[in-house]
C-alpha atoms as a PDB file:
ATOM      1  CA  MET A   1    -198.622  21.618 -37.329  1.00  0.00           C
ATOM      2  CA  LYS A   2    -195.351  23.551 -37.561  1.00  0.00           C
ATOM      3  CA  PRO A   3    -192.835  21.757 -39.822  1.00  0.00           C
ATOM      4  CA  LEU A   4    -190.335  19.631 -37.928  1.00  0.00           C
ATOM      5  CA  ARG A   5    -186.793  20.946 -37.889  1.00  0.00           C
ATOM      6  CA  ILE A   6    -183.683  18.805 -37.720  1.00  0.00           C
ATOM      7  CA  ILE A   7    -180.168  19.751 -36.640  1.00  0.00           C
ATOM      8  CA  ILE A   8    -177.458  17.502 -38.024  1.00  0.00           C
ATOM      9  CA  ALA A   9    -173.900  17.861 -36.842  1.00  0.00           C
ATOM     10  CA  GLY A  10    -170.849  16.412 -38.530  1.00  0.00           C
ATOM     11  CA  PHE A  11    -167.112  16.386 -38.099  1.00  0.00           C
ATOM     12  CA  ILE A  12    -164.039  17.173 -40.173  1.00  0.00           C
ATOM     13  CA  ILE A  13    -163.458  14.439 -42.759  1.00  0.00           C
ATOM     14  CA  ALA A  14    -160.355  12.262 -43.072  1.00  0.00           C
ATOM     15  CA  ALA A  15    -158.682  11.739 -46.449  1.00  0.00           C
ATOM     16  CA  MET A  16    -157.692   8.200 -47.450  1.00  0.00           C
ATOM     17  CA  ASN A  17    -156.037   6.824 -50.588  1.00  0.00           C
ATOM     18  CA  THR A  18    -158.168   3.667 -50.677  1.00  0.00           C
ATOM     19  CA  LEU A  19    -161.515   3.249 -48.995  1.00  0.00           C
ATOM     20  CA  PRO A  20    -163.097  -0.051 -48.237  1.00  0.00           C
ATOM     21  CA  ALA A  21    -170.479   0.569 -50.347  1.00  0.00           C
ATOM     22  CA  SER A  22    -173.015   1.513 -48.131  1.00  0.00           C
ATOM     23  CA  PRO A  23    -176.399  -0.171 -48.476  1.00  0.00           C
ATOM     24  CA  LEU A  24    -177.886   3.317 -48.668  1.00  0.00           C
ATOM     25  CA  TYR A  25    -176.095   4.866 -51.625  1.00  0.00           C
ATOM     26  CA  SER A  26    -174.704   3.331 -54.792  1.00  0.00           C
ATOM     27  CA  GLU A  27    -171.268   3.906 -56.263  1.00  0.00           C
ATOM     28  CA  ALA A  28    -172.869   6.127 -58.918  1.00  0.00           C
ATOM     29  CA  GLY A  29    -173.488   8.943 -56.468  1.00  0.00           C
ATOM     30  CA  ALA A  30    -175.446  10.343 -53.567  1.00  0.00           C
ATOM     31  CA  ALA A  31    -178.722  10.599 -55.431  1.00  0.00           C
ATOM     32  CA  GLU A  32    -178.949   6.829 -55.958  1.00  0.00           C
ATOM     33  CA  SER A  33    -180.671   5.600 -52.828  1.00  0.00           C
ATOM     34  CA  VAL A  34    -183.052   3.002 -51.476  1.00  0.00           C
ATOM     35  CA  TYR A  35    -184.977   6.091 -50.401  1.00  0.00           C
ATOM     36  CA  PRO A  36    -185.296   7.489 -53.972  1.00  0.00           C
ATOM     37  CA  VAL A  37    -184.522  11.141 -54.602  1.00  0.00           C
ATOM     38  CA  SER A  38    -187.047  12.778 -56.917  1.00  0.00           C
ATOM     39  CA  ALA A  39    -185.877  14.555 -60.043  1.00  0.00           C
ATOM     40  CA  SER A  40    -188.157  17.447 -59.099  1.00  0.00           C
ATOM     41  CA  THR A  41    -188.839  18.823 -55.634  1.00  0.00           C
ATOM     42  CA  SER A  42    -191.924  20.864 -54.824  1.00  0.00           C
ATOM     43  CA  LEU A  43    -191.064  21.798 -51.234  1.00  0.00           C
ATOM     44  CA  SER A  44    -188.005  23.839 -50.269  1.00  0.00           C
ATOM     45  CA  ILE A  45    -186.384  22.714 -47.012  1.00  0.00           C
ATOM     46  CA  LYS A  46    -184.188  25.309 -45.321  1.00  0.00           C
ATOM     47  CA  VAL A  47    -180.812  23.820 -44.353  1.00  0.00           C
ATOM     48  CA  ALA A  48    -178.214  25.761 -42.386  1.00  0.00           C
ATOM     49  CA  VAL A  49    -174.634  24.523 -42.690  1.00  0.00           C
ATOM     50  CA  LEU A  50    -172.382  25.504 -39.763  1.00  0.00           C
ATOM     51  CA  ASP A  51    -168.941  24.867 -41.177  1.00  0.00           C
ATOM     52  CA  SER A  52    -166.028  26.521 -42.982  1.00  0.00           C
ATOM     53  CA  GLY A  53    -168.332  28.530 -45.244  1.00  0.00           C
ATOM     54  CA  SER A  54    -169.301  27.551 -48.781  1.00  0.00           C
ATOM     55  CA  ASN A  55    -168.515  28.439 -52.371  1.00  0.00           C
ATOM     56  CA  THR A  56    -171.836  27.061 -53.596  1.00  0.00           C
ATOM     57  CA  ALA A  57    -174.923  29.171 -54.252  1.00  0.00           C
ATOM     58  CA  TYR A  58    -176.939  29.820 -51.102  1.00  0.00           C
ATOM     59  CA  LYS A  59    -180.008  31.690 -49.884  1.00  0.00           C
ATOM     60  CA  GLU A  60    -178.238  33.608 -47.130  1.00  0.00           C
ATOM     61  CA  GLY A  61    -174.820  33.471 -45.508  1.00  0.00           C
ATOM     62  CA  ILE A  62    -172.918  34.892 -42.560  1.00  0.00           C
ATOM     63  CA  SER A  63    -169.402  34.581 -41.184  1.00  0.00           C
ATOM     64  CA  LEU A  64    -168.882  34.670 -37.435  1.00  0.00           C
ATOM     65  CA  ILE A  65    -165.085  34.536 -37.640  1.00  0.00           C
ATOM     66  CA  ASP A  66    -164.102  36.812 -40.555  1.00  0.00           C
ATOM     67  CA  SER A  67    -165.579  39.079 -43.227  1.00  0.00           C
ATOM     68  CA  THR A  68    -167.016  36.575 -45.710  1.00  0.00           C
ATOM     69  CA  PRO A  69    -168.905  33.250 -45.699  1.00  0.00           C
ATOM     70  CA  GLY A  70    -166.719  32.142 -48.605  1.00  0.00           C
ATOM     71  CA  ASP A  71    -164.873  28.846 -48.075  1.00  0.00           C
ATOM     72  CA  HIS A  72    -161.065  28.696 -48.199  1.00  0.00           C
ATOM     73  CA  ASN A  73    -160.920  25.235 -46.619  1.00  0.00           C
ATOM     74  CA  GLY A  74    -163.281  23.237 -48.838  1.00  0.00           C
ATOM     75  CA  HIS A  75    -164.987  21.239 -46.108  1.00  0.00           C
ATOM     76  CA  GLY A  76    -168.127  23.333 -45.864  1.00  0.00           C
ATOM     77  CA  THR A  77    -168.478  23.443 -49.651  1.00  0.00           C
ATOM     78  CA  LEU A  78    -168.367  19.644 -49.795  1.00  0.00           C
ATOM     79  CA  MET A  79    -171.022  19.324 -47.098  1.00  0.00           C
ATOM     80  CA  ALA A  80    -173.305  21.773 -48.917  1.00  0.00           C
ATOM     81  CA  ARG A  81    -172.894  19.940 -52.220  1.00  0.00           C
ATOM     82  CA  ILE A  82    -173.694  16.553 -50.684  1.00  0.00           C
ATOM     83  CA  ILE A  83    -176.856  17.900 -49.064  1.00  0.00           C
ATOM     84  CA  GLU A  84    -178.019  19.405 -52.363  1.00  0.00           C
ATOM     85  CA  GLU A  85    -177.217  16.208 -54.261  1.00  0.00           C
ATOM     86  CA  VAL A  86    -179.331  14.109 -51.939  1.00  0.00           C
ATOM     87  CA  TYR A  87    -182.183  16.628 -51.817  1.00  0.00           C
ATOM     88  CA  PRO A  88    -182.126  19.238 -54.607  1.00  0.00           C
ATOM     89  CA  GLY A  89    -184.897  21.153 -52.844  1.00  0.00           C
ATOM     90  CA  ALA A  90    -182.554  22.156 -50.027  1.00  0.00           C
ATOM     91  CA  GLU A  91    -182.349  25.911 -49.499  1.00  0.00           C
ATOM     92  CA  LEU A  92    -178.929  26.589 -47.987  1.00  0.00           C
ATOM     93  CA  TYR A  93    -178.116  29.010 -45.163  1.00  0.00           C
ATOM     94  CA  ILE A  94    -174.347  29.176 -44.726  1.00  0.00           C
ATOM     95  CA  VAL A  95    -172.869  29.917 -41.302  1.00  0.00           C
ATOM     96  CA  LYS A  96    -169.068  30.143 -41.224  1.00  0.00           C
ATOM     97  CA  VAL A  97    -167.718  29.049 -37.843  1.00  0.00           C
ATOM     98  CA  ILE A  98    -164.483  27.276 -38.886  1.00  0.00           C
ATOM     99  CA  GLY A  99    -161.252  28.927 -40.034  1.00  0.00           C
ATOM    100  CA  ASP A 100    -159.179  28.081 -43.078  1.00  0.00           C
ATOM    101  CA  ASN A 101    -157.236  25.421 -41.144  1.00  0.00           C
ATOM    102  CA  GLY A 102    -160.433  23.426 -40.548  1.00  0.00           C
ATOM    103  CA  LEU A 103    -160.250  23.715 -36.778  1.00  0.00           C
ATOM    104  CA  ALA A 104    -163.168  24.815 -34.609  1.00  0.00           C
ATOM    105  CA  LEU A 105    -161.598  26.639 -31.692  1.00  0.00           C
ATOM    106  CA  ASN A 106    -164.316  29.197 -30.981  1.00  0.00           C
ATOM    107  CA  GLU A 107    -167.322  27.510 -29.399  1.00  0.00           C
ATOM    108  CA  LYS A 108    -168.976  30.894 -28.978  1.00  0.00           C
ATOM    109  CA  ALA A 109    -169.167  31.217 -32.769  1.00  0.00           C
ATOM    110  CA  VAL A 110    -170.992  27.894 -32.924  1.00  0.00           C
ATOM    111  CA  ILE A 111    -173.471  28.994 -30.267  1.00  0.00           C
ATOM    112  CA  LEU A 112    -174.069  32.261 -32.125  1.00  0.00           C
ATOM    113  CA  GLY A 113    -174.404  30.263 -35.338  1.00  0.00           C
ATOM    114  CA  LEU A 114    -177.096  28.114 -33.790  1.00  0.00           C
ATOM    115  CA  GLU A 115    -178.950  31.212 -32.643  1.00  0.00           C
ATOM    116  CA  TRP A 116    -178.661  32.823 -36.090  1.00  0.00           C
ATOM    117  CA  ALA A 117    -179.912  29.694 -37.857  1.00  0.00           C
ATOM    118  CA  ILE A 118    -182.875  29.381 -35.505  1.00  0.00           C
ATOM    119  CA  SER A 119    -183.705  33.063 -36.096  1.00  0.00           C
ATOM    120  CA  ARG A 120    -183.886  32.286 -39.828  1.00  0.00           C
ATOM    121  CA  ASP A 121    -186.473  29.597 -39.068  1.00  0.00           C
ATOM    122  CA  VAL A 122    -184.431  26.927 -40.830  1.00  0.00           C
ATOM    123  CA  ASP A 123    -185.599  23.311 -40.942  1.00  0.00           C
ATOM    124  CA  ILE A 124    -182.197  21.597 -40.706  1.00  0.00           C
ATOM    125  CA  ILE A 125    -178.830  22.611 -39.282  1.00  0.00           C
ATOM    126  CA  ASN A 126    -175.701  20.706 -40.287  1.00  0.00           C
ATOM    127  CA  ILE A 127    -172.752  21.254 -37.900  1.00  0.00           C
ATOM    128  CA  SER A 128    -169.332  19.919 -38.933  1.00  0.00           C
ATOM    129  CA  LEU A 129    -166.955  20.104 -35.998  1.00  0.00           C
ATOM    130  CA  ARG A 130    -165.884  18.483 -32.765  1.00  0.00           C
ATOM    131  CA  LEU A 131    -166.531  20.371 -29.527  1.00  0.00           C
ATOM    132  CA  LYS A 132    -165.600  19.743 -25.916  1.00  0.00           C
ATOM    133  CA  GLY A 133    -169.060  20.670 -24.731  1.00  0.00           C
ATOM    134  CA  SER A 134    -170.093  23.305 -22.222  1.00  0.00           C
ATOM    135  CA  SER A 135    -173.130  24.484 -20.309  1.00  0.00           C
ATOM    136  CA  GLU A 136    -173.536  27.341 -22.823  1.00  0.00           C
ATOM    137  CA  LEU A 137    -173.489  24.958 -25.800  1.00  0.00           C
ATOM    138  CA  TYR A 138    -175.905  22.641 -24.055  1.00  0.00           C
ATOM    139  CA  GLN A 139    -178.296  25.515 -23.404  1.00  0.00           C
ATOM    140  CA  ALA A 140    -178.224  26.404 -27.115  1.00  0.00           C
ATOM    141  CA  ILE A 141    -178.955  22.785 -27.996  1.00  0.00           C
ATOM    142  CA  ARG A 142    -181.722  22.678 -25.398  1.00  0.00           C
ATOM    143  CA  GLU A 143    -183.251  25.853 -26.821  1.00  0.00           C
ATOM    144  CA  ALA A 144    -183.369  24.303 -30.276  1.00  0.00           C
ATOM    145  CA  TYR A 145    -184.843  21.114 -28.840  1.00  0.00           C
ATOM    146  CA  ARG A 146    -187.404  23.091 -26.840  1.00  0.00           C
ATOM    147  CA  LYS A 147    -188.579  24.708 -30.053  1.00  0.00           C
ATOM    148  CA  GLY A 148    -189.381  21.310 -31.505  1.00  0.00           C
ATOM    149  CA  ILE A 149    -186.112  20.724 -33.329  1.00  0.00           C
ATOM    150  CA  VAL A 150    -184.777  17.198 -33.804  1.00  0.00           C
ATOM    151  CA  ILE A 151    -181.011  17.403 -33.319  1.00  0.00           C
ATOM    152  CA  VAL A 152    -178.742  14.962 -35.173  1.00  0.00           C
ATOM    153  CA  ALA A 153    -174.970  14.924 -34.768  1.00  0.00           C
ATOM    154  CA  ALA A 154    -172.123  12.869 -36.165  1.00  0.00           C
ATOM    155  CA  ALA A 155    -170.457  10.546 -33.689  1.00  0.00           C
ATOM    156  CA  GLY A 156    -167.033  11.908 -34.664  1.00  0.00           C
ATOM    157  CA  ASN A 157    -163.831  10.533 -36.171  1.00  0.00           C
ATOM    158  CA  ARG A 158    -161.238   8.645 -34.184  1.00  0.00           C
ATOM    159  CA  ARG A 159    -158.144  10.756 -33.657  1.00  0.00           C
ATOM    160  CA  THR A 160    -154.546   9.621 -34.144  1.00  0.00           C
ATOM    161  CA  ASN A 161    -151.320  10.134 -32.223  1.00  0.00           C
ATOM    162  CA  LYS A 162    -148.094  11.483 -33.697  1.00  0.00           C
ATOM    163  CA  ALA A 163    -147.277   8.020 -35.070  1.00  0.00           C
ATOM    164  CA  GLY A 164    -150.564   7.939 -36.970  1.00  0.00           C
ATOM    165  CA  VAL A 165    -152.102   5.296 -34.699  1.00  0.00           C
ATOM    166  CA  ARG A 166    -155.773   5.806 -33.842  1.00  0.00           C
ATOM    167  CA  TYR A 167    -156.679   6.094 -30.178  1.00  0.00           C
ATOM    168  CA  ALA A 168    -158.728   3.110 -29.038  1.00  0.00           C
ATOM    169  CA  THR A 169    -160.482   5.077 -26.290  1.00  0.00           C
ATOM    170  CA  ASP A 170    -162.071   7.869 -28.337  1.00  0.00           C
ATOM    171  CA  THR A 171    -165.671   8.401 -27.242  1.00  0.00           C
ATOM    172  CA  VAL A 172    -168.646   9.922 -29.029  1.00  0.00           C
ATOM    173  CA  ALA A 173    -168.029  13.663 -29.029  1.00  0.00           C
ATOM    174  CA  TYR A 174    -170.222  16.666 -28.384  1.00  0.00           C
ATOM    175  CA  PRO A 175    -172.795  17.634 -29.416  1.00  0.00           C
ATOM    176  CA  ALA A 176    -173.675  14.017 -30.277  1.00  0.00           C
ATOM    177  CA  ARG A 177    -173.335  12.954 -26.639  1.00  0.00           C
ATOM    178  CA  TYR A 178    -176.197  15.158 -25.490  1.00  0.00           C
ATOM    179  CA  ASP A 179    -179.412  13.265 -24.781  1.00  0.00           C
ATOM    180  CA  GLU A 180    -181.328  15.605 -27.084  1.00  0.00           C
ATOM    181  CA  VAL A 181    -179.160  14.640 -30.044  1.00  0.00           C
ATOM    182  CA  ILE A 182    -179.295  11.725 -32.503  1.00  0.00           C
ATOM    183  CA  ALA A 183    -175.732  10.542 -33.137  1.00  0.00           C
ATOM    184  CA  VAL A 184    -174.704   9.428 -36.657  1.00  0.00           C
ATOM    185  CA  GLY A 185    -171.864   7.015 -37.434  1.00  0.00           C
ATOM    186  CA  ALA A 186    -170.216   6.321 -40.817  1.00  0.00           C
ATOM    187  CA  LEU A 187    -170.278   3.240 -43.065  1.00  0.00           C
ATOM    188  CA  ASP A 188    -167.542   2.327 -45.548  1.00  0.00           C
ATOM    189  CA  ARG A 189    -167.932   1.059 -49.125  1.00  0.00           C
ATOM    190  CA  SER A 190    -168.588  -2.505 -47.944  1.00  0.00           C
ATOM    191  CA  GLY A 191    -171.478  -1.357 -45.745  1.00  0.00           C
ATOM    192  CA  LYS A 192    -169.487  -1.994 -42.576  1.00  0.00           C
ATOM    193  CA  VAL A 193    -168.707   0.557 -39.884  1.00  0.00           C
ATOM    194  CA  TYR A 194    -165.956   2.842 -41.163  1.00  0.00           C
ATOM    195  CA  SER A 195    -162.734   2.145 -39.257  1.00  0.00           C
ATOM    196  CA  GLY A 196    -162.353   5.815 -38.320  1.00  0.00           C
ATOM    197  CA  SER A 197    -165.915   6.255 -37.037  1.00  0.00           C
ATOM    198  CA  ILE A 198    -166.239   6.534 -33.274  1.00  0.00           C
ATOM    199  CA  GLU A 199    -168.568   3.901 -31.834  1.00  0.00           C
ATOM    200  CA  GLY A 200    -170.537   3.961 -28.613  1.00  0.00           C
ATOM    201  CA  ASP A 201    -173.932   3.428 -27.059  1.00  0.00           C
ATOM    202  CA  GLU A 202    -174.888   6.955 -28.106  1.00  0.00           C
ATOM    203  CA  VAL A 203    -174.747   6.134 -31.849  1.00  0.00           C
ATOM    204  CA  THR A 204    -178.327   6.031 -33.145  1.00  0.00           C
ATOM    205  CA  LEU A 205    -177.785   5.273 -36.845  1.00  0.00           C
ATOM    206  CA  ARG A 206    -175.031   4.707 -39.390  1.00  0.00           C
ATOM    207  CA  ILE A 207    -175.021   5.883 -42.993  1.00  0.00           C
ATOM    208  CA  ARG A 208    -172.708   6.225 -45.989  1.00  0.00           C
ATOM    209  CA  GLY A 209    -169.608   8.065 -44.850  1.00  0.00           C
ATOM    210  CA  TYR A 210    -167.488   8.330 -48.005  1.00  0.00           C
ATOM    211  CA  ARG A 211    -167.328  10.421 -51.150  1.00  0.00           C
ATOM    212  CA  GLY A 212    -164.515  10.044 -53.640  1.00  0.00           C
ATOM    213  CA  ASN A 213    -161.289   9.516 -51.696  1.00  0.00           C
ATOM    214  CA  ARG A 214    -162.594  11.101 -48.485  1.00  0.00           C
ATOM    215  CA  ALA A 215    -164.393   9.463 -45.600  1.00  0.00           C
ATOM    216  CA  GLY A 216    -165.669  10.206 -42.126  1.00  0.00           C
ATOM    217  CA  THR A 217    -168.663  11.027 -40.004  1.00  0.00           C
ATOM    218  CA  SER A 218    -168.788  14.547 -41.420  1.00  0.00           C
ATOM    219  CA  ILE A 219    -169.715  13.114 -44.813  1.00  0.00           C
ATOM    220  CA  ALA A 220    -172.161  10.701 -43.163  1.00  0.00           C
ATOM    221  CA  SER A 221    -173.765  13.679 -41.449  1.00  0.00           C
ATOM    222  CA  ALA A 222    -174.199  15.564 -44.725  1.00  0.00           C
ATOM    223  CA  TYR A 223    -175.807  12.521 -46.373  1.00  0.00           C
ATOM    224  CA  ALA A 224    -178.115  12.168 -43.387  1.00  0.00           C
ATOM    225  CA  ALA A 225    -178.962  15.882 -43.579  1.00  0.00           C
ATOM    226  CA  GLY A 226    -179.946  15.579 -47.216  1.00  0.00           C
ATOM    227  CA  LEU A 227    -181.979  12.451 -46.539  1.00  0.00           C
ATOM    228  CA  ALA A 228    -183.663  14.123 -43.570  1.00  0.00           C
ATOM    229  CA  ALA A 229    -184.634  17.029 -45.836  1.00  0.00           C
ATOM    230  CA  LYS A 230    -186.290  14.655 -48.289  1.00  0.00           C
ATOM    231  CA  ILE A 231    -188.068  12.755 -45.521  1.00  0.00           C
ATOM    232  CA  MET A 232    -189.267  16.003 -43.987  1.00  0.00           C
ATOM    233  CA  SER A 233    -190.585  17.253 -47.337  1.00  0.00           C
ATOM    234  CA  GLU A 234    -192.706  14.115 -47.720  1.00  0.00           C
ATOM    235  CA  ASN A 235    -193.875  13.759 -44.120  1.00  0.00           C
ATOM    236  CA  GLN A 236    -195.086  17.146 -42.951  1.00  0.00           C
ATOM    237  CA  ASP A 237    -197.766  15.460 -40.827  1.00  0.00           C
ATOM    238  CA  LYS A 238    -195.301  13.308 -38.876  1.00  0.00           C
ATOM    239  CA  ASP A 239    -194.091  14.085 -35.364  1.00  0.00           C
ATOM    240  CA  ILE A 240    -190.518  14.051 -34.078  1.00  0.00           C
ATOM    241  CA  HIS A 241    -190.417  10.346 -33.226  1.00  0.00           C
ATOM    242  CA  GLU A 242    -191.953   9.290 -36.547  1.00  0.00           C
ATOM    243  CA  ILE A 243    -189.431  11.336 -38.534  1.00  0.00           C
ATOM    244  CA  LYS A 244    -186.607   9.857 -36.496  1.00  0.00           C
ATOM    245  CA  ASN A 245    -187.846   6.312 -37.107  1.00  0.00           C
ATOM    246  CA  ILE A 246    -188.189   6.935 -40.856  1.00  0.00           C
ATOM    247  CA  LEU A 247    -184.638   8.281 -40.942  1.00  0.00           C
ATOM    248  CA  ILE A 248    -183.315   5.239 -39.070  1.00  0.00           C
ATOM    249  CA  ARG A 249    -185.165   2.812 -41.369  1.00  0.00           C
ATOM    250  CA  ALA A 250    -183.855   4.650 -44.444  1.00  0.00           C
ATOM    251  CA  ALA A 251    -180.302   4.457 -43.116  1.00  0.00           C
ATOM    252  CA  GLN A 252    -180.762   0.708 -42.612  1.00  0.00           C
ATOM    253  CA  GLY A 253    -182.007   0.294 -46.173  1.00  0.00           C
ATOM    254  CA  ARG A 254    -185.549  -0.678 -45.148  1.00  0.00           C
END
């Protein structure tokens, strides 16, 4: 059986001065979990991070917007570090699709990034941006799904108006809205749904969405990506639905 692959998509994080603990991870750090992370890992899981690049060590990297996969924004580096903390056996493939300002304006770069990651035969893809959605993006998602990839995406963060008030009508964003995708929401330190996490019928699971003084579904996505890597490493004989169910149970602390 060919190893199951998982695509996990996140969104740009929101900084907060005080954050309201997830039942999944303790205050001590990402590695403390009800789904224990082993000190040693025998199986390398290939994780592609589509983001603002990374300043961490990685197996291979590419930039689809400038000349280097180096990170001048910090977001992609944080995502990569979280994934490695949760599952030290993660082998990172960095795909830079976001500029220094943290905005994803070029959907074509994301589509090309998906194609590049698939060509590297990665097991997991973590995408950290909000897209409007298009037929071309959907076809790229469908291609990944057709190849036996489980696609997981963050539900997205609620946006604010010029007065700093969050919109009440924000809906789960793409690519999480696609039927082929598992949508991930964020929990705050009390284990409740993070106030900035978009909710909707499309949300499949919720997981820790904070690290230090930052919070959001992007962080939740990275934690889920790391956890998915660990689950995958220990369940090579499981099919798509079994892996999904294990991931959901782990996120619920069961």
